[in-house]
Amino acid sequence: MRAQFVLSEIGVGLRRNLTMTFAVIVSVALSLALFGGALLMRDQVSVMKDYWYDKVNVSIFLCNKNDAATAPKCVKGAVTGEQKKQIETDLKKMDIVEKVHYETADEAYKHYKEKYGDSPIAGSITPDQMPESFRVKLEDPEKYKVVATAFAGRDGVESVQDQRDILQNLFDLMNGMNWVAIWVMLLMLVIALMLIVNTVRVSAFSRRRETGIMRLVGASSFYIQMPFIMEAAFAGLIGGTVACVMLLLGRYFLIDNGLALAEKMQLVNFIGWDAVLAKLPLVLAIGLLMPAVAAFLALRKYLRV
């Protein structure tokens, strides 16, 4: 096959359908950018879970004298020294427990003042109102229910709290945003495929005389179809390249500069450049192959050779 002929036909096709080709590039770029963004969002959630789940504790809050009248589980009164000692001993015997820290009421009050000292209600709280607690570090945070089952109903225990629950709402929100991006990406992908099919159809119709002559001189189906497939692939490759640029710029402006989230949210472990670069070959491959396959299938219907 003469490469010069194929390239010239590609150029002719792109010039004849310039606006539709531009629409294909834009729709492919947006859909693939959303696709790459969804993959990166999934990685971000995974990185944050690994980072925060490794730091969160299970908190076992003990009854104090003020809980006897308000907490159903503390009707027997404040926790006794013997009960505290037994709870600590049983915790340290558990294989899944990595570390146990006992927090006194005074320590809890100090931490509360550091965190909420400026709030109006902070002045009305006294140290004796703060609960004592055991802060339990688990080797596997997923096994929280083992600790909850063992200690939730004990005398002297007001409640057992898994700090992962505080973070779970954030992760659920991010996963929800991820699914929204995926559905929008699928919609954009359908639009891109429809544009590719229509572009190929118009291109095949406008060049029906040339393809008719090529049939008469014995050109193969592959030889006739190749310019149309290459046009679609070329437009898709440009769209994929634009999508890659959008992902790189998004990572740069959102995390490193511009919004500078990495600097403003230092407690969040953001994905690195390696995660972004790892997605680019996949985005380019889809951008190249998806339009080519769509064009090939469309030609089977609109270009009889």
C-alpha atoms as a PDB file:
ATOM      1  CA  MET A   1       0.000   0.000   0.000  1.00  0.00           C
ATOM      2  CA  ARG A   2       1.328   3.418  -0.902  1.00  0.00           C
ATOM      3  CA  ALA A   3       1.698   5.448   2.296  1.00  0.00           C
ATOM      4  CA  GLN A   4       1.597   8.721   0.359  1.00  0.00           C
ATOM      5  CA  PHE A   5      -1.834   7.897  -1.057  1.00  0.00           C
ATOM      6  CA  VAL A   6      -3.235   6.956   2.337  1.00  0.00           C
ATOM      7  CA  LEU A   7      -1.878  10.125   3.953  1.00  0.00           C
ATOM      8  CA  SER A   8      -3.280  12.303   1.178  1.00  0.00           C
ATOM      9  CA  GLU A   9      -6.707  10.688   1.548  1.00  0.00           C
ATOM     10  CA  ILE A  10      -6.581  11.254   5.296  1.00  0.00           C
ATOM     11  CA  GLY A  11      -5.809  14.929   4.728  1.00  0.00           C
ATOM     12  CA  VAL A  12      -8.676  15.247   2.238  1.00  0.00           C
ATOM     13  CA  GLY A  13     -11.113  13.593   4.616  1.00  0.00           C
ATOM     14  CA  LEU A  14     -10.126  15.780   7.548  1.00  0.00           C
ATOM     15  CA  ARG A  15     -10.454  18.966   5.488  1.00  0.00           C
ATOM     16  CA  ARG A  16     -13.855  18.003   4.122  1.00  0.00           C
ATOM     17  CA  ASN A  17     -15.277  17.230   7.574  1.00  0.00           C
ATOM     18  CA  LEU A  18     -13.324  19.729   9.643  1.00  0.00           C
ATOM     19  CA  THR A  19     -16.133  20.737  12.011  1.00  0.00           C
ATOM     20  CA  MET A  20     -17.223  17.159  12.670  1.00  0.00           C
ATOM     21  CA  THR A  21     -13.606  16.113  13.170  1.00  0.00           C
ATOM     22  CA  PHE A  22     -13.188  18.920  15.688  1.00  0.00           C
ATOM     23  CA  ALA A  23     -16.332  17.745  17.499  1.00  0.00           C
ATOM     24  CA  VAL A  24     -14.935  14.202  17.604  1.00  0.00           C
ATOM     25  CA  ILE A  25     -11.640  15.462  19.067  1.00  0.00           C
ATOM     26  CA  VAL A  26     -13.406  17.507  21.754  1.00  0.00           C
ATOM     27  CA  SER A  27     -15.819  14.740  22.765  1.00  0.00           C
ATOM     28  CA  VAL A  28     -13.059  12.098  22.842  1.00  0.00           C
ATOM     29  CA  ALA A  29     -10.822  14.431  24.869  1.00  0.00           C
ATOM     30  CA  LEU A  30     -13.531  15.165  27.440  1.00  0.00           C
ATOM     31  CA  SER A  31     -14.647  11.548  27.783  1.00  0.00           C
ATOM     32  CA  LEU A  32     -11.085  10.267  28.182  1.00  0.00           C
ATOM     33  CA  ALA A  33     -10.206  13.067  30.607  1.00  0.00           C
ATOM     34  CA  LEU A  34     -13.179  12.031  32.741  1.00  0.00           C
ATOM     35  CA  PHE A  35     -12.106   8.401  32.401  1.00  0.00           C
ATOM     36  CA  GLY A  36      -8.575   9.209  33.541  1.00  0.00           C
ATOM     37  CA  GLY A  37      -9.923  11.444  36.295  1.00  0.00           C
ATOM     38  CA  ALA A  38     -12.153   8.628  37.562  1.00  0.00           C
ATOM     39  CA  LEU A  39      -9.176   6.259  37.690  1.00  0.00           C
ATOM     40  CA  LEU A  40      -7.111   8.850  39.566  1.00  0.00           C
ATOM     41  CA  MET A  41      -9.966   9.539  41.985  1.00  0.00           C
ATOM     42  CA  ARG A  42     -10.143   5.822  42.755  1.00  0.00           C
ATOM     43  CA  ASP A  43      -6.391   5.794  43.406  1.00  0.00           C
ATOM     44  CA  GLN A  44      -6.725   8.881  45.614  1.00  0.00           C
ATOM     45  CA  VAL A  45      -9.411   7.261  47.753  1.00  0.00           C
ATOM     46  CA  SER A  46      -7.267   4.129  48.072  1.00  0.00           C
ATOM     47  CA  VAL A  47      -4.190   6.155  49.086  1.00  0.00           C
ATOM     48  CA  MET A  48      -6.178   8.150  51.653  1.00  0.00           C
ATOM     49  CA  LYS A  49      -7.697   5.006  53.126  1.00  0.00           C
ATOM     50  CA  ASP A  50      -4.292   3.377  53.491  1.00  0.00           C
ATOM     51  CA  TYR A  51      -2.890   6.553  55.041  1.00  0.00           C
ATOM     52  CA  TRP A  52      -5.701   7.322  57.478  1.00  0.00           C
ATOM     53  CA  TYR A  53      -6.743   3.795  58.393  1.00  0.00           C
ATOM     54  CA  ASP A  54      -3.170   3.263  59.523  1.00  0.00           C
ATOM     55  CA  LYS A  55      -3.511   6.204  61.929  1.00  0.00           C
ATOM     56  CA  VAL A  56      -7.029   5.873  63.332  1.00  0.00           C
ATOM     57  CA  ASN A  57      -7.778   4.187  66.649  1.00  0.00           C
ATOM     58  CA  VAL A  58     -10.649   2.391  68.290  1.00  0.00           C
ATOM     59  CA  SER A  59     -11.769   4.397  71.303  1.00  0.00           C
ATOM     60  CA  ILE A  60     -13.323   2.686  74.323  1.00  0.00           C
ATOM     61  CA  PHE A  61     -15.014   5.429  76.366  1.00  0.00           C
ATOM     62  CA  LEU A  62     -15.518   4.681  80.062  1.00  0.00           C
ATOM     63  CA  CYS A  63     -18.397   5.747  82.274  1.00  0.00           C
ATOM     64  CA  ASN A  64     -17.936   8.706  84.610  1.00  0.00           C
ATOM     65  CA  LYS A  65     -20.165   9.899  87.428  1.00  0.00           C
ATOM     66  CA  ASN A  66     -22.115  12.222  85.126  1.00  0.00           C
ATOM     67  CA  ASP A  67     -23.046   9.373  82.772  1.00  0.00           C
ATOM     68  CA  ALA A  68     -25.049   7.457  85.373  1.00  0.00           C
ATOM     69  CA  ALA A  69     -28.098   9.663  84.819  1.00  0.00           C
ATOM     70  CA  THR A  70     -27.801  10.103  81.040  1.00  0.00           C
ATOM     71  CA  ALA A  71     -26.192   6.976  79.550  1.00  0.00           C
ATOM     72  CA  PRO A  72     -28.238   3.735  79.722  1.00  0.00           C
ATOM     73  CA  LYS A  73     -25.056   1.649  79.742  1.00  0.00           C
ATOM     74  CA  CYS A  74     -23.717   3.485  82.797  1.00  0.00           C
ATOM     75  CA  VAL A  75     -26.634   2.977  85.213  1.00  0.00           C
ATOM     76  CA  LYS A  76     -24.294   1.164  87.612  1.00  0.00           C
ATOM     77  CA  GLY A  77     -22.188   4.272  88.012  1.00  0.00           C
ATOM     78  CA  ALA A  78     -18.695   5.351  87.071  1.00  0.00           C
ATOM     79  CA  VAL A  79     -16.086   2.834  86.039  1.00  0.00           C
ATOM     80  CA  THR A  80     -14.078   1.375  88.906  1.00  0.00           C
ATOM     81  CA  GLY A  81     -10.330   0.952  89.095  1.00  0.00           C
ATOM     82  CA  GLU A  82     -10.709  -2.826  88.972  1.00  0.00           C
ATOM     83  CA  GLN A  83     -12.850  -2.634  85.845  1.00  0.00           C
ATOM     84  CA  LYS A  84     -10.300  -0.374  84.130  1.00  0.00           C
ATOM     85  CA  LYS A  85      -7.491  -2.744  84.986  1.00  0.00           C
ATOM     86  CA  GLN A  86      -9.427  -5.741  83.684  1.00  0.00           C
ATOM     87  CA  ILE A  87     -10.325  -3.978  80.416  1.00  0.00           C
ATOM     88  CA  GLU A  88      -6.685  -3.020  79.836  1.00  0.00           C
ATOM     89  CA  THR A  89      -5.502  -6.555  80.592  1.00  0.00           C
ATOM     90  CA  ASP A  90      -8.032  -8.110  78.202  1.00  0.00           C
ATOM     91  CA  LEU A  91      -7.128  -5.627  75.462  1.00  0.00           C
ATOM     92  CA  LYS A  92      -3.431  -6.428  75.667  1.00  0.00           C
ATOM     93  CA  LYS A  93      -4.204 -10.150  75.449  1.00  0.00           C
ATOM     94  CA  MET A  94      -5.912  -9.756  72.049  1.00  0.00           C
ATOM     95  CA  ASP A  95      -3.739 -10.715  69.060  1.00  0.00           C
ATOM     96  CA  ILE A  96      -5.215  -8.003  66.826  1.00  0.00           C
ATOM     97  CA  VAL A  97      -4.285  -5.201  69.266  1.00  0.00           C
ATOM     98  CA  GLU A  98      -1.003  -3.490  68.478  1.00  0.00           C
ATOM     99  CA  LYS A  99      -0.970  -0.747  71.119  1.00  0.00           C
ATOM    100  CA  VAL A 100      -3.151   0.435  74.018  1.00  0.00           C
ATOM    101  CA  HIS A 101      -3.064   3.977  75.446  1.00  0.00           C
ATOM    102  CA  TYR A 102      -5.061   5.030  78.487  1.00  0.00           C
ATOM    103  CA  GLU A 103      -6.306   8.637  78.363  1.00  0.00           C
ATOM    104  CA  THR A 104      -7.316  10.258  81.624  1.00  0.00           C
ATOM    105  CA  ALA A 105     -10.141  12.781  82.013  1.00  0.00           C
ATOM    106  CA  ASP A 106      -7.586  15.587  82.457  1.00  0.00           C
ATOM    107  CA  GLU A 107      -5.799  14.580  79.227  1.00  0.00           C
ATOM    108  CA  ALA A 108      -9.139  14.415  77.397  1.00  0.00           C
ATOM    109  CA  TYR A 109     -10.029  17.880  78.721  1.00  0.00           C
ATOM    110  CA  LYS A 110      -6.674  19.265  77.587  1.00  0.00           C
ATOM    111  CA  HIS A 111      -7.126  17.863  74.078  1.00  0.00           C
ATOM    112  CA  TYR A 112     -10.663  19.200  73.979  1.00  0.00           C
ATOM    113  CA  LYS A 113      -9.514  22.694  74.915  1.00  0.00           C
ATOM    114  CA  GLU A 114      -6.784  22.582  72.266  1.00  0.00           C
ATOM    115  CA  LYS A 115      -9.303  21.662  69.600  1.00  0.00           C
ATOM    116  CA  TYR A 116     -12.469  23.544  70.662  1.00  0.00           C
ATOM    117  CA  GLY A 117     -11.132  26.187  73.044  1.00  0.00           C
ATOM    118  CA  ASP A 118     -12.562  29.050  70.969  1.00  0.00           C
ATOM    119  CA  SER A 119     -16.107  27.679  70.863  1.00  0.00           C
ATOM    120  CA  PRO A 120     -18.771  29.227  73.198  1.00  0.00           C
ATOM    121  CA  ILE A 121     -19.576  25.913  74.882  1.00  0.00           C
ATOM    122  CA  ALA A 122     -15.933  25.173  75.765  1.00  0.00           C
ATOM    123  CA  GLY A 123     -16.059  27.381  78.850  1.00  0.00           C
ATOM    124  CA  SER A 124     -18.892  25.355  80.401  1.00  0.00           C
ATOM    125  CA  ILE A 125     -17.040  22.038  80.199  1.00  0.00           C
ATOM    126  CA  THR A 126     -15.065  20.874  83.228  1.00  0.00           C
ATOM    127  CA  PRO A 127     -12.456  18.081  83.442  1.00  0.00           C
ATOM    128  CA  ASP A 128     -14.748  15.809  85.493  1.00  0.00           C
ATOM    129  CA  GLN A 129     -17.249  15.838  82.637  1.00  0.00           C
ATOM    130  CA  MET A 130     -14.754  14.403  80.185  1.00  0.00           C
ATOM    131  CA  PRO A 131     -14.713  10.603  79.821  1.00  0.00           C
ATOM    132  CA  GLU A 132     -11.684   8.452  80.415  1.00  0.00           C
ATOM    133  CA  SER A 133     -10.886   6.187  77.509  1.00  0.00           C
ATOM    134  CA  PHE A 134      -8.611   3.554  76.054  1.00  0.00           C
ATOM    135  CA  ARG A 135      -7.168   4.390  72.632  1.00  0.00           C
ATOM    136  CA  VAL A 136      -6.578   1.092  70.881  1.00  0.00           C
ATOM    137  CA  LYS A 137      -4.339   0.716  67.834  1.00  0.00           C
ATOM    138  CA  LEU A 138      -5.226  -2.371  65.795  1.00  0.00           C
ATOM    139  CA  GLU A 139      -2.872  -4.303  63.549  1.00  0.00           C
ATOM    140  CA  ASP A 140      -5.764  -4.607  61.075  1.00  0.00           C
ATOM    141  CA  PRO A 141      -8.283  -1.699  61.309  1.00  0.00           C
ATOM    142  CA  GLU A 142     -10.858  -3.798  59.452  1.00  0.00           C
ATOM    143  CA  LYS A 143     -11.232  -6.012  62.559  1.00  0.00           C
ATOM    144  CA  TYR A 144     -12.828  -3.277  64.623  1.00  0.00           C
ATOM    145  CA  LYS A 145     -15.962  -5.368  65.263  1.00  0.00           C
ATOM    146  CA  VAL A 146     -13.939  -7.911  67.233  1.00  0.00           C
ATOM    147  CA  VAL A 147     -13.104  -5.219  69.813  1.00  0.00           C
ATOM    148  CA  ALA A 148     -16.603  -3.743  69.713  1.00  0.00           C
ATOM    149  CA  THR A 149     -18.207  -7.116  70.353  1.00  0.00           C
ATOM    150  CA  ALA A 150     -15.855  -7.905  73.227  1.00  0.00           C
ATOM    151  CA  PHE A 151     -16.195  -4.609  75.132  1.00  0.00           C
ATOM    152  CA  ALA A 152     -19.400  -2.818  74.099  1.00  0.00           C
ATOM    153  CA  GLY A 153     -21.561  -4.495  76.759  1.00  0.00           C
ATOM    154  CA  ARG A 154     -19.090  -4.457  79.641  1.00  0.00           C
ATOM    155  CA  ASP A 155     -19.732  -2.764  82.954  1.00  0.00           C
ATOM    156  CA  GLY A 156     -17.998   0.589  83.043  1.00  0.00           C
ATOM    157  CA  VAL A 157     -17.914   0.978  79.242  1.00  0.00           C
ATOM    158  CA  GLU A 158     -20.073   3.792  77.904  1.00  0.00           C
ATOM    159  CA  SER A 159     -19.377   3.228  74.183  1.00  0.00           C
ATOM    160  CA  VAL A 160     -16.888   1.810  71.681  1.00  0.00           C
ATOM    161  CA  GLN A 161     -16.172   4.097  68.736  1.00  0.00           C
ATOM    162  CA  ASP A 162     -14.344   3.323  65.523  1.00  0.00           C
ATOM    163  CA  GLN A 163     -12.716   6.496  64.213  1.00  0.00           C
ATOM    164  CA  ARG A 164     -12.968   5.140  60.695  1.00  0.00           C
ATOM    165  CA  ASP A 165     -16.651   6.073  60.771  1.00  0.00           C
ATOM    166  CA  ILE A 166     -15.632   9.744  60.878  1.00  0.00           C
ATOM    167  CA  LEU A 167     -13.675   9.319  57.655  1.00  0.00           C
ATOM    168  CA  GLN A 168     -16.121   7.008  55.920  1.00  0.00           C
ATOM    169  CA  ASN A 169     -18.491   9.852  54.976  1.00  0.00           C
ATOM    170  CA  LEU A 170     -15.615  11.586  53.184  1.00  0.00           C
ATOM    171  CA  PHE A 171     -14.686   8.411  51.324  1.00  0.00           C
ATOM    172  CA  ASP A 172     -18.333   7.794  50.412  1.00  0.00           C
ATOM    173  CA  LEU A 173     -18.565  11.336  49.026  1.00  0.00           C
ATOM    174  CA  MET A 174     -15.414  10.844  46.942  1.00  0.00           C
ATOM    175  CA  ASN A 175     -16.673   7.490  45.663  1.00  0.00           C
ATOM    176  CA  GLY A 176     -19.979   9.132  44.752  1.00  0.00           C
ATOM    177  CA  MET A 177     -18.152  11.845  42.808  1.00  0.00           C
ATOM    178  CA  ASN A 178     -16.176   9.094  41.108  1.00  0.00           C
ATOM    179  CA  TRP A 179     -19.346   7.351  39.936  1.00  0.00           C
ATOM    180  CA  VAL A 180     -20.784  10.631  38.658  1.00  0.00           C
ATOM    181  CA  ALA A 181     -17.600  11.151  36.621  1.00  0.00           C
ATOM    182  CA  ILE A 182     -17.887   7.614  35.232  1.00  0.00           C
ATOM    183  CA  TRP A 183     -21.500   8.110  34.135  1.00  0.00           C
ATOM    184  CA  VAL A 184     -20.715  11.460  32.518  1.00  0.00           C
ATOM    185  CA  MET A 185     -17.721   9.815  30.831  1.00  0.00           C
ATOM    186  CA  LEU A 186     -19.967   7.047  29.432  1.00  0.00           C
ATOM    187  CA  LEU A 187     -22.400   9.659  28.114  1.00  0.00           C
ATOM    188  CA  MET A 188     -19.574  11.580  26.446  1.00  0.00           C
ATOM    189  CA  LEU A 189     -18.230   8.316  25.058  1.00  0.00           C
ATOM    190  CA  VAL A 190     -21.576   7.500  23.431  1.00  0.00           C
ATOM    191  CA  ILE A 191     -21.678  10.994  21.923  1.00  0.00           C
ATOM    192  CA  ALA A 192     -18.126  10.565  20.620  1.00  0.00           C
ATOM    193  CA  LEU A 193     -18.976   7.214  19.028  1.00  0.00           C
ATOM    194  CA  MET A 194     -22.063   8.671  17.368  1.00  0.00           C
ATOM    195  CA  LEU A 195     -19.996  11.558  15.994  1.00  0.00           C
ATOM    196  CA  ILE A 196     -17.360   9.138  14.684  1.00  0.00           C
ATOM    197  CA  VAL A 197     -19.984   7.025  12.929  1.00  0.00           C
ATOM    198  CA  ASN A 198     -21.612  10.102  11.366  1.00  0.00           C
ATOM    199  CA  THR A 199     -18.239  11.504  10.323  1.00  0.00           C
ATOM    200  CA  VAL A 200     -17.301   8.230   8.636  1.00  0.00           C
ATOM    201  CA  ARG A 201     -20.716   8.057   6.982  1.00  0.00           C
ATOM    202  CA  VAL A 202     -20.441  11.587   5.563  1.00  0.00           C
ATOM    203  CA  SER A 203     -16.854  11.002   4.497  1.00  0.00           C
ATOM    204  CA  ALA A 204     -17.746   7.738   2.746  1.00  0.00           C
ATOM    205  CA  PHE A 205     -20.666   9.388   0.959  1.00  0.00           C
ATOM    206  CA  SER A 206     -18.598  12.363  -0.199  1.00  0.00           C
ATOM    207  CA  ARG A 207     -15.956  10.041  -1.650  1.00  0.00           C
ATOM    208  CA  ARG A 208     -18.271   7.451  -3.147  1.00  0.00           C
ATOM    209  CA  ARG A 209     -16.987   8.219  -6.660  1.00  0.00           C
ATOM    210  CA  GLU A 210     -13.354   7.601  -5.687  1.00  0.00           C
ATOM    211  CA  THR A 211     -14.197   4.388  -3.852  1.00  0.00           C
ATOM    212  CA  GLY A 212     -16.272   3.221  -6.843  1.00  0.00           C
ATOM    213  CA  ILE A 213     -13.295   3.699  -9.165  1.00  0.00           C
ATOM    214  CA  MET A 214     -11.034   1.883  -6.721  1.00  0.00           C
ATOM    215  CA  ARG A 215     -13.439  -1.081  -6.716  1.00  0.00           C
ATOM    216  CA  LEU A 216     -13.386  -1.218 -10.496  1.00  0.00           C
ATOM    217  CA  VAL A 217      -9.590  -1.362 -10.639  1.00  0.00           C
ATOM    218  CA  GLY A 218      -9.520  -4.222  -8.141  1.00  0.00           C
ATOM    219  CA  ALA A 219      -8.478  -2.475  -4.911  1.00  0.00           C
ATOM    220  CA  SER A 220      -8.931  -4.587  -1.801  1.00  0.00           C
ATOM    221  CA  SER A 221     -11.460  -3.750   0.912  1.00  0.00           C
ATOM    222  CA  PHE A 222      -8.655  -3.054   3.384  1.00  0.00           C
ATOM    223  CA  TYR A 223      -6.987  -0.646   0.955  1.00  0.00           C
ATOM    224  CA  ILE A 224     -10.248   1.287   0.464  1.00  0.00           C
ATOM    225  CA  GLN A 225     -11.205   1.370   4.137  1.00  0.00           C
ATOM    226  CA  MET A 226      -7.794   2.263   5.536  1.00  0.00           C
ATOM    227  CA  PRO A 227      -7.974   6.064   4.924  1.00  0.00           C
ATOM    228  CA  PHE A 228     -11.332   6.292   6.705  1.00  0.00           C
ATOM    229  CA  ILE A 229     -10.094   4.237   9.669  1.00  0.00           C
ATOM    230  CA  MET A 230      -6.902   6.271   9.868  1.00  0.00           C
ATOM    231  CA  GLU A 231      -8.878   9.531   9.876  1.00  0.00           C
ATOM    232  CA  ALA A 232     -10.897   8.379  12.878  1.00  0.00           C
ATOM    233  CA  ALA A 233      -7.800   7.036  14.635  1.00  0.00           C
ATOM    234  CA  PHE A 234      -5.921  10.290  14.020  1.00  0.00           C
ATOM    235  CA  ALA A 235      -8.770  12.387  15.440  1.00  0.00           C
ATOM    236  CA  GLY A 236      -9.012  10.028  18.419  1.00  0.00           C
ATOM    237  CA  LEU A 237      -5.259  10.213  19.013  1.00  0.00           C
ATOM    238  CA  ILE A 238      -5.413  14.018  19.090  1.00  0.00           C
ATOM    239  CA  GLY A 239      -8.346  13.793  21.525  1.00  0.00           C
ATOM    240  CA  GLY A 240      -6.405  11.333  23.689  1.00  0.00           C
ATOM    241  CA  THR A 241      -3.387  13.645  23.680  1.00  0.00           C
ATOM    242  CA  VAL A 242      -5.574  16.579  24.751  1.00  0.00           C
ATOM    243  CA  ALA A 243      -7.019  14.410  27.532  1.00  0.00           C
ATOM    244  CA  CYS A 244      -3.504  13.556  28.745  1.00  0.00           C
ATOM    245  CA  VAL A 245      -2.607  17.248  28.805  1.00  0.00           C
ATOM    246  CA  MET A 246      -5.779  17.977  30.788  1.00  0.00           C
ATOM    247  CA  LEU A 247      -4.883  15.302  33.365  1.00  0.00           C
ATOM    248  CA  LEU A 248      -1.343  16.655  33.730  1.00  0.00           C
ATOM    249  CA  LEU A 249      -2.546  20.234  34.063  1.00  0.00           C
ATOM    250  CA  GLY A 250      -5.236  19.144  36.519  1.00  0.00           C
ATOM    251  CA  ARG A 251      -2.659  17.447  38.758  1.00  0.00           C
ATOM    252  CA  TYR A 252      -0.327  20.444  38.485  1.00  0.00           C
ATOM    253  CA  PHE A 253      -2.835  23.222  39.177  1.00  0.00           C
ATOM    254  CA  LEU A 254      -5.016  21.430  41.730  1.00  0.00           C
ATOM    255  CA  ILE A 255      -2.306  19.888  43.891  1.00  0.00           C
ATOM    256  CA  ASP A 256       1.071  21.510  43.217  1.00  0.00           C
ATOM    257  CA  ASN A 257       0.173  25.071  42.153  1.00  0.00           C
ATOM    258  CA  GLY A 258      -2.940  27.132  41.628  1.00  0.00           C
ATOM    259  CA  LEU A 259      -5.155  25.751  44.397  1.00  0.00           C
ATOM    260  CA  ALA A 260      -2.020  24.127  45.905  1.00  0.00           C
ATOM    261  CA  LEU A 261      -4.030  21.543  47.820  1.00  0.00           C
ATOM    262  CA  ALA A 262      -0.872  19.681  48.815  1.00  0.00           C
ATOM    263  CA  GLU A 263       0.298  22.787  50.690  1.00  0.00           C
ATOM    264  CA  LYS A 264      -3.060  23.780  52.149  1.00  0.00           C
ATOM    265  CA  MET A 265      -4.105  20.255  53.163  1.00  0.00           C
ATOM    266  CA  GLN A 266      -0.903  18.795  54.537  1.00  0.00           C
ATOM    267  CA  LEU A 267      -2.774  16.102  56.463  1.00  0.00           C
ATOM    268  CA  VAL A 268      -3.963  14.577  53.180  1.00  0.00           C
ATOM    269  CA  ASN A 269      -1.664  12.186  51.348  1.00  0.00           C
ATOM    270  CA  PHE A 270      -2.226  13.024  47.650  1.00  0.00           C
ATOM    271  CA  ILE A 271      -1.376  10.764  44.719  1.00  0.00           C
ATOM    272  CA  GLY A 272       1.957  11.460  43.053  1.00  0.00           C
ATOM    273  CA  TRP A 273       2.969  12.158  39.479  1.00  0.00           C
ATOM    274  CA  ASP A 274       3.737   8.456  38.983  1.00  0.00           C
ATOM    275  CA  ALA A 275       0.039   7.619  39.354  1.00  0.00           C
ATOM    276  CA  VAL A 276      -0.883  10.209  36.704  1.00  0.00           C
ATOM    277  CA  LEU A 277       1.848   9.159  34.261  1.00  0.00           C
ATOM    278  CA  ALA A 278       0.846   5.505  34.631  1.00  0.00           C
ATOM    279  CA  LYS A 279      -2.652   6.323  33.285  1.00  0.00           C
ATOM    280  CA  LEU A 280      -1.509   8.247  30.198  1.00  0.00           C
ATOM    281  CA  PRO A 281      -0.584   5.228  27.995  1.00  0.00           C
ATOM    282  CA  LEU A 282      -4.001   3.697  28.665  1.00  0.00           C
ATOM    283  CA  VAL A 283      -5.764   6.961  27.782  1.00  0.00           C
ATOM    284  CA  LEU A 284      -3.768   7.267  24.543  1.00  0.00           C
ATOM    285  CA  ALA A 285      -4.390   3.630  23.604  1.00  0.00           C
ATOM    286  CA  ILE A 286      -8.147   4.003  24.090  1.00  0.00           C
ATOM    287  CA  GLY A 287      -8.120   7.296  22.201  1.00  0.00           C
ATOM    288  CA  LEU A 288      -6.411   5.607  19.245  1.00  0.00           C
ATOM    289  CA  LEU A 289      -8.232   2.268  19.168  1.00  0.00           C
ATOM    290  CA  MET A 290     -11.786   3.257  20.069  1.00  0.00           C
ATOM    291  CA  PRO A 291     -12.391   5.549  17.048  1.00  0.00           C
ATOM    292  CA  ALA A 292     -10.589   3.113  14.721  1.00  0.00           C
ATOM    293  CA  VAL A 293     -12.824   0.210  15.779  1.00  0.00           C
ATOM    294  CA  ALA A 294     -15.942   2.404  15.574  1.00  0.00           C
ATOM    295  CA  ALA A 295     -14.951   3.540  12.071  1.00  0.00           C
ATOM    296  CA  PHE A 296     -14.278  -0.049  10.977  1.00  0.00           C
ATOM    297  CA  LEU A 297     -17.715  -1.191  12.151  1.00  0.00           C
ATOM    298  CA  ALA A 298     -19.400   1.829  10.558  1.00  0.00           C
ATOM    299  CA  LEU A 299     -17.706   1.154   7.202  1.00  0.00           C
ATOM    300  CA  ARG A 300     -19.139  -2.372   7.123  1.00  0.00           C
ATOM    301  CA  LYS A 301     -22.561  -0.759   6.887  1.00  0.00           C
ATOM    302  CA  TYR A 302     -21.966   2.450   4.926  1.00  0.00           C
ATOM    303  CA  LEU A 303     -19.159   1.460   2.614  1.00  0.00           C
ATOM    304  CA  ARG A 304     -19.893  -1.673   0.586  1.00  0.00           C
ATOM    305  CA  VAL A 305     -16.673  -3.018  -0.857  1.00  0.00           C
END
